Amino acid sequence: MSTELRRAIVLAGLMGGAAALAAALTPRHYLADAHPREKLAEWLPVSFGDWQIDRTIVPVPPSPDLQKVLDTTYDETVALTYRDSGGRRVMLSLAYGRNQHKGMNTHRPEICYPSQGFKVLRDSEAGSLKWGQREIPVTRLVTGLGARVEPITYWLLVGDTITFFGYPQRRVAIRYGLAGQIPDGVLVRVSTIDPDPTAAFAVHERFILDLLSALPTQRLPRLIGLA
């Protein structure tokens, strides 16, 4: 057997082994199929603490192009406005995807808002909320459209882990992928129309903590993952 033929055989074997390894490591099982899934809209409370859904507010639908992207990216989106006894309104938006790889960045506020004409008035900042013994990592930013100033607090849940977009998100997804799983994802966004971001973020925190305290324990992992 010639040297060239032996090299060709070895190379073919290495390529075949690499292909087999890649196939073995390709995730095939959806994490969402491991347990029954309730629609988020069916168990979000109508009222909790000092908050109740404001039925007078009709959400403005996204543009047809954006709606098409949302329909093909997410399995469920929810948009609700709550109001407290002092008249403060908070907008809650949830976007759930059975496969978090499938364009979760589309609904990321830093991308979604500018696509609708908003400007980012204050760049994203990583922060956290303390709820009991949990530290919930969040991202805060401020957007604006004309005279409308809209501070935003949001977080991303990949599988059972709250993470940030970018490398942290990919790292969590890879961890699931190595276990043969395709994780789902939920983007939770809270915002208000308020020219004072400091006051707005304080309202966001109160709203989020009130909401989490009102939810049954078994449903908390749908929004904040596992401790």
Protein backbone atom coordinates (compact mmCIF):
# COMPACT_ATOMS: atom_id res chain seq x y z
CA MET A 1 0.00 0.00 0.00
CA SER A 2 1.43 3.34 -0.98
CA THR A 3 2.09 6.12 1.51
CA GLU A 4 -0.42 8.35 -0.26
CA LEU A 5 -3.15 5.70 0.01
CA ARG A 6 -2.47 5.14 3.71
CA ARG A 7 -2.71 8.89 4.34
CA ALA A 8 -6.00 9.04 2.43
CA ILE A 9 -7.43 6.17 4.50
CA VAL A 10 -6.36 7.78 7.77
CA LEU A 11 -7.79 11.14 6.71
CA ALA A 12 -11.08 9.53 5.70
CA GLY A 13 -11.25 7.78 9.07
CA LEU A 14 -10.62 11.01 10.96
CA MET A 15 -13.28 12.83 8.95
CA GLY A 16 -15.75 10.03 9.49
CA GLY A 17 -15.03 10.03 13.23
CA ALA A 18 -15.49 13.79 13.43
CA ALA A 19 -18.80 13.55 11.59
CA ALA A 20 -19.99 10.79 13.92
CA LEU A 21 -18.96 12.82 16.98
CA ALA A 22 -20.75 15.92 15.67
CA ALA A 23 -23.89 13.88 15.08
CA ALA A 24 -23.69 12.41 18.56
CA LEU A 25 -23.34 15.86 20.12
CA THR A 26 -26.19 17.43 18.13
CA PRO A 27 -29.04 18.15 20.58
CA ARG A 28 -32.30 16.47 19.63
CA HIS A 29 -34.53 16.65 22.69
CA TYR A 30 -36.53 19.78 23.47
CA LEU A 31 -36.34 20.72 27.13
CA ALA A 32 -39.90 22.04 26.83
CA ASP A 33 -41.14 18.48 26.22
CA ALA A 34 -39.91 17.31 29.62
CA HIS A 35 -42.97 18.69 31.39
CA PRO A 36 -46.44 20.01 30.50
CA ARG A 37 -46.50 23.62 29.32
CA GLU A 38 -49.24 26.02 30.31
CA LYS A 39 -49.73 29.14 28.28
CA LEU A 40 -48.31 32.11 30.14
CA ALA A 41 -51.39 34.21 29.40
CA GLU A 42 -53.58 31.70 31.22
CA TRP A 43 -51.96 32.01 34.62
CA LEU A 44 -50.70 35.57 34.83
CA PRO A 45 -52.83 37.15 37.57
CA VAL A 46 -55.51 39.71 36.80
CA SER A 47 -54.63 41.45 40.04
CA PHE A 48 -51.99 41.09 42.75
CA GLY A 49 -50.83 43.31 45.58
CA ASP A 50 -51.70 46.87 44.60
CA TRP A 51 -51.79 46.02 40.88
CA GLN A 52 -54.54 45.08 38.48
CA ILE A 53 -54.79 44.81 34.72
CA ASP A 54 -55.79 48.11 33.13
CA ARG A 55 -58.44 47.18 30.58
CA THR A 56 -58.58 50.75 29.26
CA ILE A 57 -55.19 50.34 27.62
CA VAL A 58 -55.23 48.73 24.19
CA PRO A 59 -51.72 47.54 23.18
CA VAL A 60 -50.42 49.09 19.97
CA PRO A 61 -49.77 46.22 17.53
CA PRO A 62 -46.28 45.96 16.02
CA SER A 63 -45.70 46.70 12.39
CA PRO A 64 -46.70 43.91 9.96
CA ASP A 65 -43.04 43.12 9.23
CA LEU A 66 -42.18 42.85 12.91
CA GLN A 67 -45.33 40.83 13.63
CA LYS A 68 -44.30 38.33 10.94
CA VAL A 69 -40.90 37.93 12.58
CA LEU A 70 -42.48 37.49 16.01
CA ASP A 71 -44.91 34.87 14.71
CA THR A 72 -42.11 32.81 13.19
CA THR A 73 -39.75 33.26 16.17
CA TYR A 74 -41.92 32.78 19.24
CA ASP A 75 -44.51 30.26 20.31
CA GLU A 76 -46.27 32.76 22.59
CA THR A 77 -46.14 36.48 23.27
CA VAL A 78 -48.06 38.31 26.00
CA ALA A 79 -48.48 42.07 26.47
CA LEU A 80 -50.40 43.41 29.48
CA THR A 81 -50.62 46.76 31.22
CA TYR A 82 -51.12 46.90 35.00
CA ARG A 83 -52.09 49.89 37.12
CA ASP A 84 -51.70 50.53 40.85
CA SER A 85 -53.93 52.56 43.18
CA GLY A 86 -51.77 55.63 42.57
CA GLY A 87 -52.40 55.51 38.83
CA ARG A 88 -48.92 54.28 37.89
CA ARG A 89 -48.97 52.00 34.86
CA VAL A 90 -46.50 49.23 34.14
CA MET A 91 -46.31 47.35 30.85
CA LEU A 92 -45.42 43.66 31.08
CA SER A 93 -44.28 41.79 27.97
CA LEU A 94 -43.35 38.10 27.74
CA ALA A 95 -41.96 36.35 24.68
CA TYR A 96 -41.62 32.56 24.86
CA GLY A 97 -39.82 30.35 22.37
CA ARG A 98 -39.72 26.54 22.53
CA ASN A 99 -36.31 26.76 20.89
CA GLN A 100 -34.24 29.62 22.30
CA HIS A 101 -31.83 29.32 19.36
CA LYS A 102 -34.58 30.48 17.02
CA GLY A 103 -33.90 34.20 16.97
CA MET A 104 -34.41 35.21 20.62
CA ASN A 105 -32.38 38.35 19.84
CA THR A 106 -35.30 39.60 17.73
CA HIS A 107 -37.24 40.71 20.78
CA ARG A 108 -34.22 42.04 22.65
CA PRO A 109 -35.16 45.63 23.61
CA GLU A 110 -31.90 47.05 22.27
CA ILE A 111 -32.94 45.70 18.86
CA CYS A 112 -36.74 45.64 19.03
CA TYR A 113 -37.23 49.24 20.15
CA PRO A 114 -34.95 50.92 17.56
CA SER A 115 -36.64 48.83 14.85
CA GLN A 116 -39.85 50.66 15.81
CA GLY A 117 -38.30 54.12 15.69
CA PHE A 118 -37.14 54.46 19.31
CA LYS A 119 -33.71 55.72 20.30
CA VAL A 120 -31.62 54.23 23.09
CA LEU A 121 -31.18 57.20 25.44
CA ARG A 122 -29.17 55.31 28.04
CA ASP A 123 -27.12 52.24 27.21
CA SER A 124 -27.87 48.88 28.79
CA GLU A 125 -26.63 48.28 32.32
CA ALA A 126 -26.50 44.96 34.14
CA GLY A 127 -28.13 44.91 37.57
CA SER A 128 -30.01 42.65 39.91
CA LEU A 129 -33.12 42.44 42.05
CA LYS A 130 -33.15 40.77 45.43
CA TRP A 131 -36.19 38.60 46.04
CA GLY A 132 -35.95 36.65 49.26
CA GLN A 133 -32.78 34.59 48.98
CA ARG A 134 -32.62 35.01 45.19
CA GLU A 135 -30.56 37.50 43.21
CA ILE A 136 -32.31 37.99 39.88
CA PRO A 137 -29.95 39.40 37.23
CA VAL A 138 -31.62 42.04 35.06
CA THR A 139 -30.71 44.52 32.36
CA ARG A 140 -31.85 48.15 32.45
CA LEU A 141 -31.88 50.72 29.68
CA VAL A 142 -33.77 53.87 28.71
CA THR A 143 -35.41 54.39 25.32
CA GLY A 144 -37.30 57.30 23.83
CA LEU A 145 -39.54 58.25 20.95
CA GLY A 146 -40.11 61.98 20.64
CA ALA A 147 -41.31 63.22 24.03
CA ARG A 148 -41.98 59.66 25.23
CA VAL A 149 -39.28 58.32 27.56
CA GLU A 150 -39.59 54.60 28.33
CA PRO A 151 -37.22 53.03 30.87
CA ILE A 152 -37.03 49.23 30.55
CA THR A 153 -36.06 46.40 32.89
CA TYR A 154 -35.74 42.92 31.40
CA TRP A 155 -34.18 39.50 31.81
CA LEU A 156 -33.67 36.42 29.67
CA LEU A 157 -34.41 32.89 30.86
CA VAL A 158 -32.75 30.07 28.89
CA GLY A 159 -34.00 26.70 30.05
CA ASP A 160 -33.85 26.95 33.83
CA THR A 161 -31.15 29.65 33.95
CA ILE A 162 -31.45 33.43 33.92
CA THR A 163 -28.66 34.85 31.80
CA PHE A 164 -27.66 37.82 29.70
CA PHE A 165 -27.67 38.08 25.92
CA GLY A 166 -24.46 37.41 24.02
CA TYR A 167 -21.74 35.08 25.26
CA PRO A 168 -23.50 34.21 28.59
CA GLN A 169 -26.60 33.14 26.62
CA ARG A 170 -24.51 31.01 24.24
CA ARG A 171 -22.62 29.43 27.13
CA VAL A 172 -25.85 28.31 28.79
CA ALA A 173 -27.20 26.99 25.46
CA ILE A 174 -23.98 25.05 24.86
CA ARG A 175 -24.26 23.46 28.29
CA TYR A 176 -27.72 22.19 27.42
CA GLY A 177 -26.56 21.15 23.97
CA LEU A 178 -23.79 18.98 25.38
CA ALA A 179 -26.49 17.17 27.35
CA GLY A 180 -28.43 16.60 24.12
CA GLN A 181 -31.11 19.18 24.96
CA ILE A 182 -32.53 22.15 23.06
CA PRO A 183 -33.51 24.72 25.72
CA ASP A 184 -36.54 26.95 25.49
CA GLY A 185 -36.38 30.65 26.35
CA VAL A 186 -38.46 33.43 27.85
CA LEU A 187 -37.77 37.14 27.61
CA VAL A 188 -39.47 39.08 30.41
CA ARG A 189 -39.74 42.84 29.90
CA VAL A 190 -41.16 45.49 32.23
CA SER A 191 -41.41 49.15 31.21
CA THR A 192 -43.08 52.43 32.07
CA ILE A 193 -43.49 55.82 30.43
CA ASP A 194 -41.59 58.10 32.78
CA PRO A 195 -39.02 60.88 32.19
CA ASP A 196 -37.37 59.98 35.53
CA PRO A 197 -35.51 56.66 35.04
CA THR A 198 -34.56 56.36 38.71
CA ALA A 199 -38.19 56.57 39.82
CA ALA A 200 -39.24 54.28 36.97
CA PHE A 201 -36.74 51.55 37.87
CA ALA A 202 -37.94 51.69 41.49
CA VAL A 203 -41.52 51.11 40.27
CA HIS A 204 -40.31 48.26 38.06
CA GLU A 205 -38.64 46.59 41.02
CA ARG A 206 -41.75 46.90 43.19
CA PHE A 207 -43.92 45.52 40.40
CA ILE A 208 -41.64 42.56 39.69
CA LEU A 209 -41.25 41.59 43.34
CA ASP A 210 -45.01 41.89 43.90
CA LEU A 211 -45.67 39.70 40.86
CA LEU A 212 -43.21 37.00 41.91
CA SER A 213 -44.62 36.98 45.45
CA ALA A 214 -48.12 36.47 44.07
CA LEU A 215 -47.31 33.51 41.81
CA PRO A 216 -47.66 29.90 42.98
CA THR A 217 -44.30 28.30 43.74
CA GLN A 218 -44.66 25.72 40.96
CA ARG A 219 -44.97 28.45 38.33
CA LEU A 220 -41.99 30.57 39.36
CA PRO A 221 -39.49 28.51 37.31
CA ARG A 222 -41.36 29.63 34.17
CA LEU A 223 -40.19 33.19 34.82
CA ILE A 224 -37.05 33.02 36.97
CA GLY A 225 -35.78 29.48 36.53
CA LEU A 226 -34.43 27.38 39.37
CA ALA A 227 -32.60 28.73 42.40
